[in-house]
Amino acid sequence: LYEISGVEVGQHFYWQIGVSKCMPSTYNSWVVIAILLGSAAIAVRNPQTIPTDGQNFFEYVLEFIRDVSKTQIGEEEYGPWVPFIGTLFLFIFVSN
């Protein structure tokens, strides 16, 4: 009845690596992941008692995410949610 599955709005382009085609948003996600992993690895590869600038930044971000999770989810239940919420927060923050 409705033939809208073949309708495309605007121009779409795909990049091809080998046999797979990917949209640019996929590559943007890979770049964001690489930036996050690379900067975290560089900042915390040699932890110090007196933190370096990178280590201090990541500790601040972790404490911020932990405190937001604690106030929104609750004192008893927030612990397991911190890694998930932190991943979402950092990915969206760096993507934008």
PDB file of N, CA and C in Angstrom:
ATOM      1  N   LEU A   1       0.822  -1.192   0.000  1.00  0.00           N
ATOM      2  CA  LEU A   1       0.000   0.000   0.000  1.00  0.00           C
ATOM      3  C   LEU A   1       0.867   1.258   0.000  1.00  0.00           C
ATOM      4  N   TYR A   2       1.786   1.351   0.935  1.00  0.00           N
ATOM      5  CA  TYR A   2       2.661   2.518   1.006  1.00  0.00           C
ATOM      6  C   TYR A   2       4.057   2.119   0.551  1.00  0.00           C
ATOM      7  N   GLU A   3       4.515   2.728  -0.501  1.00  0.00           N
ATOM      8  CA  GLU A   3       5.826   2.419  -1.072  1.00  0.00           C
ATOM      9  C   GLU A   3       6.860   3.460  -0.625  1.00  0.00           C
ATOM     10  N   ILE A   4       7.083   3.588   0.673  1.00  0.00           N
ATOM     11  CA  ILE A   4       8.044   4.591   1.134  1.00  0.00           C
ATOM     12  C   ILE A   4       9.389   3.984   1.514  1.00  0.00           C
ATOM     13  N   SER A   5       9.525   2.686   1.443  1.00  0.00           N
ATOM     14  CA  SER A   5      10.788   2.077   1.851  1.00  0.00           C
ATOM     15  C   SER A   5      11.924   2.425   0.900  1.00  0.00           C
ATOM     16  N   GLY A   6      11.634   2.753  -0.329  1.00  0.00           N
ATOM     17  CA  GLY A   6      12.667   3.099  -1.291  1.00  0.00           C
ATOM     18  C   GLY A   6      12.895   4.590  -1.434  1.00  0.00           C
ATOM     19  N   VAL A   7      12.172   5.407  -0.680  1.00  0.00           N
ATOM     20  CA  VAL A   7      12.283   6.853  -0.793  1.00  0.00           C
ATOM     21  C   VAL A   7      13.457   7.335   0.061  1.00  0.00           C
ATOM     22  N   GLU A   8      14.318   8.152  -0.537  1.00  0.00           N
ATOM     23  CA  GLU A   8      15.431   8.745   0.193  1.00  0.00           C
ATOM     24  C   GLU A   8      15.300  10.258   0.143  1.00  0.00           C
ATOM     25  N   VAL A   9      15.506  10.883   1.278  1.00  0.00           N
ATOM     26  CA  VAL A   9      15.448  12.330   1.362  1.00  0.00           C
ATOM     27  C   VAL A   9      16.878  12.846   1.386  1.00  0.00           C
ATOM     28  N   GLY A  10      17.216  13.698   0.452  1.00  0.00           N
ATOM     29  CA  GLY A  10      18.573  14.233   0.396  1.00  0.00           C
ATOM     30  C   GLY A  10      19.549  13.232  -0.187  1.00  0.00           C
ATOM     31  N   GLN A  11      20.807  13.647  -0.212  1.00  0.00           N
ATOM     32  CA  GLN A  11      21.843  12.775  -0.737  1.00  0.00           C
ATOM     33  C   GLN A  11      22.507  12.023   0.402  1.00  0.00           C
ATOM     34  N   HIS A  12      22.732  10.760   0.193  1.00  0.00           N
ATOM     35  CA  HIS A  12      23.447   9.939   1.160  1.00  0.00           C
ATOM     36  C   HIS A  12      24.682   9.390   0.479  1.00  0.00           C
ATOM     37  N   PHE A  13      25.760   9.404   1.189  1.00  0.00           N
ATOM     38  CA  PHE A  13      26.958   8.791   0.632  1.00  0.00           C
ATOM     39  C   PHE A  13      27.510   7.794   1.637  1.00  0.00           C
ATOM     40  N   TYR A  14      28.097   6.768   1.130  1.00  0.00           N
ATOM     41  CA  TYR A  14      28.626   5.695   1.952  1.00  0.00           C
ATOM     42  C   TYR A  14      30.095   5.501   1.620  1.00  0.00           C
ATOM     43  N   TRP A  15      30.871   5.163   2.616  1.00  0.00           N
ATOM     44  CA  TRP A  15      32.263   4.804   2.407  1.00  0.00           C
ATOM     45  C   TRP A  15      32.353   3.298   2.429  1.00  0.00           C
ATOM     46  N   GLN A  16      33.216   2.771   1.614  1.00  0.00           N
ATOM     47  CA  GLN A  16      33.325   1.325   1.521  1.00  0.00           C
ATOM     48  C   GLN A  16      34.730   0.890   1.931  1.00  0.00           C
ATOM     49  N   ILE A  17      34.779  -0.021   2.884  1.00  0.00           N
ATOM     50  CA  ILE A  17      36.029  -0.654   3.297  1.00  0.00           C
ATOM     51  C   ILE A  17      35.852  -2.140   3.056  1.00  0.00           C
ATOM     52  N   GLY A  18      36.580  -2.662   2.118  1.00  0.00           N
ATOM     53  CA  GLY A  18      36.405  -4.067   1.769  1.00  0.00           C
ATOM     54  C   GLY A  18      35.035  -4.286   1.170  1.00  0.00           C
ATOM     55  N   VAL A  19      34.282  -5.188   1.774  1.00  0.00           N
ATOM     56  CA  VAL A  19      32.953  -5.492   1.258  1.00  0.00           C
ATOM     57  C   VAL A  19      31.849  -4.787   2.033  1.00  0.00           C
ATOM     58  N   SER A  20      32.200  -4.069   3.105  1.00  0.00           N
ATOM     59  CA  SER A  20      31.159  -3.433   3.910  1.00  0.00           C
ATOM     60  C   SER A  20      31.064  -1.943   3.597  1.00  0.00           C
ATOM     61  N   LYS A  21      29.836  -1.453   3.583  1.00  0.00           N
ATOM     62  CA  LYS A  21      29.575  -0.034   3.379  1.00  0.00           C
ATOM     63  C   LYS A  21      29.192   0.576   4.719  1.00  0.00           C
ATOM     64  N   CYS A  22      29.742   1.750   4.998  1.00  0.00           N
ATOM     65  CA  CYS A  22      29.447   2.433   6.253  1.00  0.00           C
ATOM     66  C   CYS A  22      29.107   3.887   5.974  1.00  0.00           C
ATOM     67  N   MET A  23      28.224   4.407   6.796  1.00  0.00           N
ATOM     68  CA  MET A  23      27.885   5.823   6.717  1.00  0.00           C
ATOM     69  C   MET A  23      28.928   6.619   7.486  1.00  0.00           C
ATOM     70  N   PRO A  24      29.068   7.901   7.192  1.00  0.00           N
ATOM     71  CA  PRO A  24      30.050   8.730   7.903  1.00  0.00           C
ATOM     72  C   PRO A  24      29.819   8.783   9.415  1.00  0.00           C
ATOM     73  N   SER A  25      28.584   8.633   9.862  1.00  0.00           N
ATOM     74  CA  SER A  25      28.334   8.658  11.305  1.00  0.00           C
ATOM     75  C   SER A  25      29.023   7.497  12.011  1.00  0.00           C
ATOM     76  N   THR A  26      29.176   6.373  11.322  1.00  0.00           N
ATOM     77  CA  THR A  26      29.897   5.244  11.904  1.00  0.00           C
ATOM     78  C   THR A  26      31.355   5.609  12.121  1.00  0.00           C
ATOM     79  N   TYR A  27      31.963   6.244  11.136  1.00  0.00           N
ATOM     80  CA  TYR A  27      33.356   6.649  11.276  1.00  0.00           C
ATOM     81  C   TYR A  27      33.514   7.739  12.327  1.00  0.00           C
ATOM     82  N   ASN A  28      32.550   8.629  12.424  1.00  0.00           N
ATOM     83  CA  ASN A  28      32.595   9.643  13.475  1.00  0.00           C
ATOM     84  C   ASN A  28      32.577   8.992  14.850  1.00  0.00           C
ATOM     85  N   SER A  29      31.763   7.963  15.010  1.00  0.00           N
ATOM     86  CA  SER A  29      31.723   7.242  16.281  1.00  0.00           C
ATOM     87  C   SER A  29      33.065   6.591  16.574  1.00  0.00           C
ATOM     88  N   TRP A  30      33.697   6.011  15.568  1.00  0.00           N
ATOM     89  CA  TRP A  30      35.015   5.395  15.766  1.00  0.00           C
ATOM     90  C   TRP A  30      36.050   6.431  16.183  1.00  0.00           C
ATOM     91  N   VAL A  31      35.984   7.614  15.585  1.00  0.00           N
ATOM     92  CA  VAL A  31      36.927   8.676  15.941  1.00  0.00           C
ATOM     93  C   VAL A  31      36.707   9.124  17.379  1.00  0.00           C
ATOM     94  N   VAL A  32      35.451   9.276  17.791  1.00  0.00           N
ATOM     95  CA  VAL A  32      35.143   9.674  19.166  1.00  0.00           C
ATOM     96  C   VAL A  32      35.656   8.624  20.144  1.00  0.00           C
ATOM     97  N   ILE A  33      35.427   7.352  19.848  1.00  0.00           N
ATOM     98  CA  ILE A  33      35.902   6.278  20.718  1.00  0.00           C
ATOM     99  C   ILE A  33      37.424   6.298  20.798  1.00  0.00           C
ATOM    100  N   ALA A  34      38.091   6.501  19.671  1.00  0.00           N
ATOM    101  CA  ALA A  34      39.557   6.554  19.662  1.00  0.00           C
ATOM    102  C   ALA A  34      40.071   7.735  20.488  1.00  0.00           C
ATOM    103  N   ILE A  35      39.409   8.880  20.385  1.00  0.00           N
ATOM    104  CA  ILE A  35      39.819  10.051  21.166  1.00  0.00           C
ATOM    105  C   ILE A  35      39.665   9.777  22.654  1.00  0.00           C
ATOM    106  N   LEU A  36      38.527   9.214  23.056  1.00  0.00           N
ATOM    107  CA  LEU A  36      38.298   8.929  24.470  1.00  0.00           C
ATOM    108  C   LEU A  36      39.289   7.906  25.010  1.00  0.00           C
ATOM    109  N   LEU A  37      39.477   6.806  24.286  1.00  0.00           N
ATOM    110  CA  LEU A  37      40.402   5.773  24.752  1.00  0.00           C
ATOM    111  C   LEU A  37      41.841   6.277  24.772  1.00  0.00           C
ATOM    112  N   GLY A  38      42.230   6.998  23.734  1.00  0.00           N
ATOM    113  CA  GLY A  38      43.592   7.512  23.675  1.00  0.00           C
ATOM    114  C   GLY A  38      43.890   8.515  24.773  1.00  0.00           C
ATOM    115  N   SER A  39      42.995   9.461  24.979  1.00  0.00           N
ATOM    116  CA  SER A  39      43.233  10.469  26.012  1.00  0.00           C
ATOM    117  C   SER A  39      43.200   9.859  27.408  1.00  0.00           C
ATOM    118  N   ALA A  40      42.314   8.893  27.642  1.00  0.00           N
ATOM    119  CA  ALA A  40      42.282   8.227  28.946  1.00  0.00           C
ATOM    120  C   ALA A  40      43.548   7.408  29.168  1.00  0.00           C
ATOM    121  N   ALA A  41      44.012   6.716  28.144  1.00  0.00           N
ATOM    122  CA  ALA A  41      45.225   5.907  28.280  1.00  0.00           C
ATOM    123  C   ALA A  41      46.441   6.784  28.555  1.00  0.00           C
ATOM    124  N   ILE A  42      46.534   7.915  27.875  1.00  0.00           N
ATOM    125  CA  ILE A  42      47.663   8.820  28.092  1.00  0.00           C
ATOM    126  C   ILE A  42      47.598   9.449  29.482  1.00  0.00           C
ATOM    127  N   ALA A  43      46.402   9.823  29.914  1.00  0.00           N
ATOM    128  CA  ALA A  43      46.256  10.535  31.185  1.00  0.00           C
ATOM    129  C   ALA A  43      46.520   9.645  32.390  1.00  0.00           C
ATOM    130  N   VAL A  44      46.153   8.381  32.324  1.00  0.00           N
ATOM    131  CA  VAL A  44      46.248   7.528  33.517  1.00  0.00           C
ATOM    132  C   VAL A  44      47.227   6.371  33.355  1.00  0.00           C
ATOM    133  N   ARG A  45      48.106   6.426  32.378  1.00  0.00           N
ATOM    134  CA  ARG A  45      49.036   5.309  32.185  1.00  0.00           C
ATOM    135  C   ARG A  45      50.082   5.231  33.288  1.00  0.00           C
ATOM    136  N   ASN A  46      50.395   6.347  33.919  1.00  0.00           N
ATOM    137  CA  ASN A  46      51.375   6.363  34.995  1.00  0.00           C
ATOM    138  C   ASN A  46      50.797   7.159  36.168  1.00  0.00           C
ATOM    139  N   PRO A  47      49.887   6.549  36.953  1.00  0.00           N
ATOM    140  CA  PRO A  47      49.237   7.301  38.028  1.00  0.00           C
ATOM    141  C   PRO A  47      50.252   7.776  39.080  1.00  0.00           C
ATOM    142  N   GLN A  48      50.043   8.969  39.569  1.00  0.00           N
ATOM    143  CA  GLN A  48      50.945   9.583  40.538  1.00  0.00           C
ATOM    144  C   GLN A  48      50.165   9.923  41.806  1.00  0.00           C
ATOM    145  N   THR A  49      50.886  10.028  42.910  1.00  0.00           N
ATOM    146  CA  THR A  49      50.255  10.440  44.161  1.00  0.00           C
ATOM    147  C   THR A  49      49.770  11.877  44.049  1.00  0.00           C
ATOM    148  N   ILE A  50      50.612  12.728  43.487  1.00  0.00           N
ATOM    149  CA  ILE A  50      50.199  14.091  43.153  1.00  0.00           C
ATOM    150  C   ILE A  50      49.806  14.049  41.681  1.00  0.00           C
ATOM    151  N   PRO A  51      48.507  14.145  41.383  1.00  0.00           N
ATOM    152  CA  PRO A  51      48.049  13.895  40.010  1.00  0.00           C
ATOM    153  C   PRO A  51      48.554  14.925  39.002  1.00  0.00           C
ATOM    154  N   THR A  52      48.789  14.426  37.792  1.00  0.00           N
ATOM    155  CA  THR A  52      49.128  15.300  36.675  1.00  0.00           C
ATOM    156  C   THR A  52      47.856  15.992  36.194  1.00  0.00           C
ATOM    157  N   ASP A  53      47.984  16.892  35.233  1.00  0.00           N
ATOM    158  CA  ASP A  53      46.813  17.617  34.736  1.00  0.00           C
ATOM    159  C   ASP A  53      45.780  16.675  34.126  1.00  0.00           C
ATOM    160  N   GLY A  54      46.231  15.733  33.299  1.00  0.00           N
ATOM    161  CA  GLY A  54      45.301  14.791  32.674  1.00  0.00           C
ATOM    162  C   GLY A  54      44.628  13.887  33.681  1.00  0.00           C
ATOM    163  N   GLN A  55      45.408  13.389  34.635  1.00  0.00           N
ATOM    164  CA  GLN A  55      44.845  12.532  35.671  1.00  0.00           C
ATOM    165  C   GLN A  55      43.847  13.320  36.517  1.00  0.00           C
ATOM    166  N   ASN A  56      44.179  14.550  36.832  1.00  0.00           N
ATOM    167  CA  ASN A  56      43.290  15.399  37.617  1.00  0.00           C
ATOM    168  C   ASN A  56      41.978  15.648  36.881  1.00  0.00           C
ATOM    169  N   PHE A  57      42.046  15.883  35.568  1.00  0.00           N
ATOM    170  CA  PHE A  57      40.846  16.108  34.771  1.00  0.00           C
ATOM    171  C   PHE A  57      39.938  14.882  34.791  1.00  0.00           C
ATOM    172  N   PHE A  58      40.520  13.690  34.565  1.00  0.00           N
ATOM    173  CA  PHE A  58      39.702  12.486  34.538  1.00  0.00           C
ATOM    174  C   PHE A  58      39.132  12.150  35.918  1.00  0.00           C
ATOM    175  N   GLU A  59      39.877  12.436  36.982  1.00  0.00           N
ATOM    176  CA  GLU A  59      39.327  12.242  38.327  1.00  0.00           C
ATOM    177  C   GLU A  59      38.153  13.187  38.568  1.00  0.00           C
ATOM    178  N   TYR A  60      38.279  14.424  38.110  1.00  0.00           N
ATOM    179  CA  TYR A  60      37.193  15.390  38.258  1.00  0.00           C
ATOM    180  C   TYR A  60      35.944  14.926  37.508  1.00  0.00           C
ATOM    181  N   VAL A  61      36.126  14.470  36.264  1.00  0.00           N
ATOM    182  CA  VAL A  61      34.989  13.994  35.464  1.00  0.00           C
ATOM    183  C   VAL A  61      34.342  12.788  36.133  1.00  0.00           C
ATOM    184  N   LEU A  62      35.146  11.849  36.621  1.00  0.00           N
ATOM    185  CA  LEU A  62      34.604  10.665  37.287  1.00  0.00           C
ATOM    186  C   LEU A  62      33.836  11.040  38.552  1.00  0.00           C
ATOM    187  N   GLU A  63      34.384  11.953  39.343  1.00  0.00           N
ATOM    188  CA  GLU A  63      33.679  12.384  40.551  1.00  0.00           C
ATOM    189  C   GLU A  63      32.376  13.101  40.208  1.00  0.00           C
ATOM    190  N   PHE A  64      32.385  13.904  39.151  1.00  0.00           N
ATOM    191  CA  PHE A  64      31.165  14.589  38.720  1.00  0.00           C
ATOM    192  C   PHE A  64      30.085  13.580  38.337  1.00  0.00           C
ATOM    193  N   ILE A  65      30.454  12.590  37.524  1.00  0.00           N
ATOM    194  CA  ILE A  65      29.489  11.577  37.088  1.00  0.00           C
ATOM    195  C   ILE A  65      29.005  10.757  38.277  1.00  0.00           C
ATOM    196  N   ARG A  66      29.913  10.416  39.182  1.00  0.00           N
ATOM    197  CA  ARG A  66      29.532   9.659  40.376  1.00  0.00           C
ATOM    198  C   ARG A  66      28.554  10.452  41.238  1.00  0.00           C
ATOM    199  N   ASP A  67      28.818  11.742  41.440  1.00  0.00           N
ATOM    200  CA  ASP A  67      27.940  12.561  42.275  1.00  0.00           C
ATOM    201  C   ASP A  67      26.571  12.761  41.636  1.00  0.00           C
ATOM    202  N   VAL A  68      26.533  12.972  40.325  1.00  0.00           N
ATOM    203  CA  VAL A  68      25.245  13.104  39.637  1.00  0.00           C
ATOM    204  C   VAL A  68      24.465  11.799  39.742  1.00  0.00           C
ATOM    205  N   SER A  69      25.140  10.676  39.546  1.00  0.00           N
ATOM    206  CA  SER A  69      24.469   9.377  39.650  1.00  0.00           C
ATOM    207  C   SER A  69      23.938   9.153  41.058  1.00  0.00           C
ATOM    208  N   LYS A  70      24.731   9.527  42.049  1.00  0.00           N
ATOM    209  CA  LYS A  70      24.328   9.325  43.437  1.00  0.00           C
ATOM    210  C   LYS A  70      23.087  10.136  43.780  1.00  0.00           C
ATOM    211  N   THR A  71      23.030  11.388  43.308  1.00  0.00           N
ATOM    212  CA  THR A  71      21.875  12.216  43.644  1.00  0.00           C
ATOM    213  C   THR A  71      20.628  11.814  42.867  1.00  0.00           C
ATOM    214  N   GLN A  72      20.786  11.320  41.644  1.00  0.00           N
ATOM    215  CA  GLN A  72      19.625  10.982  40.825  1.00  0.00           C
ATOM    216  C   GLN A  72      19.106   9.568  41.077  1.00  0.00           C
ATOM    217  N   ILE A  73      19.997   8.619  41.314  1.00  0.00           N
ATOM    218  CA  ILE A  73      19.580   7.224  41.473  1.00  0.00           C
ATOM    219  C   ILE A  73      19.379   6.867  42.936  1.00  0.00           C
ATOM    220  N   GLY A  74      20.216   7.393  43.794  1.00  0.00           N
ATOM    221  CA  GLY A  74      20.098   7.096  45.210  1.00  0.00           C
ATOM    222  C   GLY A  74      21.403   6.552  45.767  1.00  0.00           C
ATOM    223  N   GLU A  75      21.568   6.731  47.060  1.00  0.00           N
ATOM    224  CA  GLU A  75      22.807   6.368  47.745  1.00  0.00           C
ATOM    225  C   GLU A  75      23.133   4.882  47.647  1.00  0.00           C
ATOM    226  N   GLU A  76      22.121   4.023  47.713  1.00  0.00           N
ATOM    227  CA  GLU A  76      22.363   2.579  47.751  1.00  0.00           C
ATOM    228  C   GLU A  76      22.515   1.958  46.369  1.00  0.00           C
ATOM    229  N   GLU A  77      21.884   2.523  45.368  1.00  0.00           N
ATOM    230  CA  GLU A  77      21.789   1.870  44.060  1.00  0.00           C
ATOM    231  C   GLU A  77      22.677   2.467  42.969  1.00  0.00           C
ATOM    232  N   TYR A  78      23.403   3.518  43.231  1.00  0.00           N
ATOM    233  CA  TYR A  78      24.092   4.230  42.151  1.00  0.00           C
ATOM    234  C   TYR A  78      25.346   3.524  41.645  1.00  0.00           C
ATOM    235  N   GLY A  79      26.007   2.737  42.461  1.00  0.00           N
ATOM    236  CA  GLY A  79      27.305   2.146  42.140  1.00  0.00           C
ATOM    237  C   GLY A  79      27.398   1.429  40.802  1.00  0.00           C
ATOM    238  N   PRO A  80      26.524   0.460  40.531  1.00  0.00           N
ATOM    239  CA  PRO A  80      26.629  -0.259  39.260  1.00  0.00           C
ATOM    240  C   PRO A  80      26.303   0.598  38.036  1.00  0.00           C
ATOM    241  N   TRP A  81      25.642   1.725  38.235  1.00  0.00           N
ATOM    242  CA  TRP A  81      25.233   2.555  37.104  1.00  0.00           C
ATOM    243  C   TRP A  81      26.298   3.559  36.680  1.00  0.00           C
ATOM    244  N   VAL A  82      27.281   3.825  37.507  1.00  0.00           N
ATOM    245  CA  VAL A  82      28.283   4.854  37.201  1.00  0.00           C
ATOM    246  C   VAL A  82      29.033   4.572  35.896  1.00  0.00           C
ATOM    247  N   PRO A  83      29.530   3.357  35.634  1.00  0.00           N
ATOM    248  CA  PRO A  83      30.231   3.137  34.358  1.00  0.00           C
ATOM    249  C   PRO A  83      29.341   3.360  33.134  1.00  0.00           C
ATOM    250  N   PHE A  84      28.094   2.913  33.209  1.00  0.00           N
ATOM    251  CA  PHE A  84      27.176   3.078  32.077  1.00  0.00           C
ATOM    252  C   PHE A  84      26.855   4.547  31.835  1.00  0.00           C
ATOM    253  N   ILE A  85      26.507   5.259  32.886  1.00  0.00           N
ATOM    254  CA  ILE A  85      26.173   6.677  32.758  1.00  0.00           C
ATOM    255  C   ILE A  85      27.405   7.470  32.318  1.00  0.00           C
ATOM    256  N   GLY A  86      28.567   7.104  32.839  1.00  0.00           N
ATOM    257  CA  GLY A  86      29.801   7.772  32.437  1.00  0.00           C
ATOM    258  C   GLY A  86      30.117   7.570  30.971  1.00  0.00           C
ATOM    259  N   THR A  87      29.908   6.349  30.483  1.00  0.00           N
ATOM    260  CA  THR A  87      30.145   6.067  29.072  1.00  0.00           C
ATOM    261  C   THR A  87      29.221   6.891  28.189  1.00  0.00           C
ATOM    262  N   LEU A  88      27.944   6.917  28.523  1.00  0.00           N
ATOM    263  CA  LEU A  88      26.995   7.721  27.748  1.00  0.00           C
ATOM    264  C   LEU A  88      27.352   9.204  27.790  1.00  0.00           C
ATOM    265  N   PHE A  89      27.645   9.701  28.984  1.00  0.00           N
ATOM    266  CA  PHE A  89      27.960  11.120  29.144  1.00  0.00           C
ATOM    267  C   PHE A  89      29.175  11.512  28.309  1.00  0.00           C
ATOM    268  N   LEU A  90      30.267  10.757  28.437  1.00  0.00           N
ATOM    269  CA  LEU A  90      31.492  11.110  27.716  1.00  0.00           C
ATOM    270  C   LEU A  90      31.317  10.972  26.208  1.00  0.00           C
ATOM    271  N   PHE A  91      30.636   9.921  25.768  1.00  0.00           N
ATOM    272  CA  PHE A  91      30.447   9.729  24.332  1.00  0.00           C
ATOM    273  C   PHE A  91      29.628  10.868  23.731  1.00  0.00           C
ATOM    274  N   ILE A  92      28.535  11.226  24.373  1.00  0.00           N
ATOM    275  CA  ILE A  92      27.691  12.314  23.862  1.00  0.00           C
ATOM    276  C   ILE A  92      28.422  13.651  23.958  1.00  0.00           C
ATOM    277  N   PHE A  93      29.136  13.876  25.051  1.00  0.00           N
ATOM    278  CA  PHE A  93      29.864  15.136  25.230  1.00  0.00           C
ATOM    279  C   PHE A  93      30.937  15.315  24.162  1.00  0.00           C
ATOM    280  N   VAL A  94      31.716  14.281  23.903  1.00  0.00           N
ATOM    281  CA  VAL A  94      32.785  14.392  22.905  1.00  0.00           C
ATOM    282  C   VAL A  94      32.207  14.418  21.492  1.00  0.00           C
ATOM    283  N   SER A  95      31.099  13.724  21.258  1.00  0.00           N
ATOM    284  CA  SER A  95      30.488  13.724  19.924  1.00  0.00           C
ATOM    285  C   SER A  95      29.986  15.108  19.532  1.00  0.00           C
ATOM    286  N   ASN A  96      29.496  15.839  20.501  1.00  0.00           N
ATOM    287  CA  ASN A  96      28.968  17.168  20.198  1.00  0.00           C
ATOM    288  C   ASN A  96      30.081  18.177  20.156  1.00  0.00           C
TER     289      ASN A  96
END
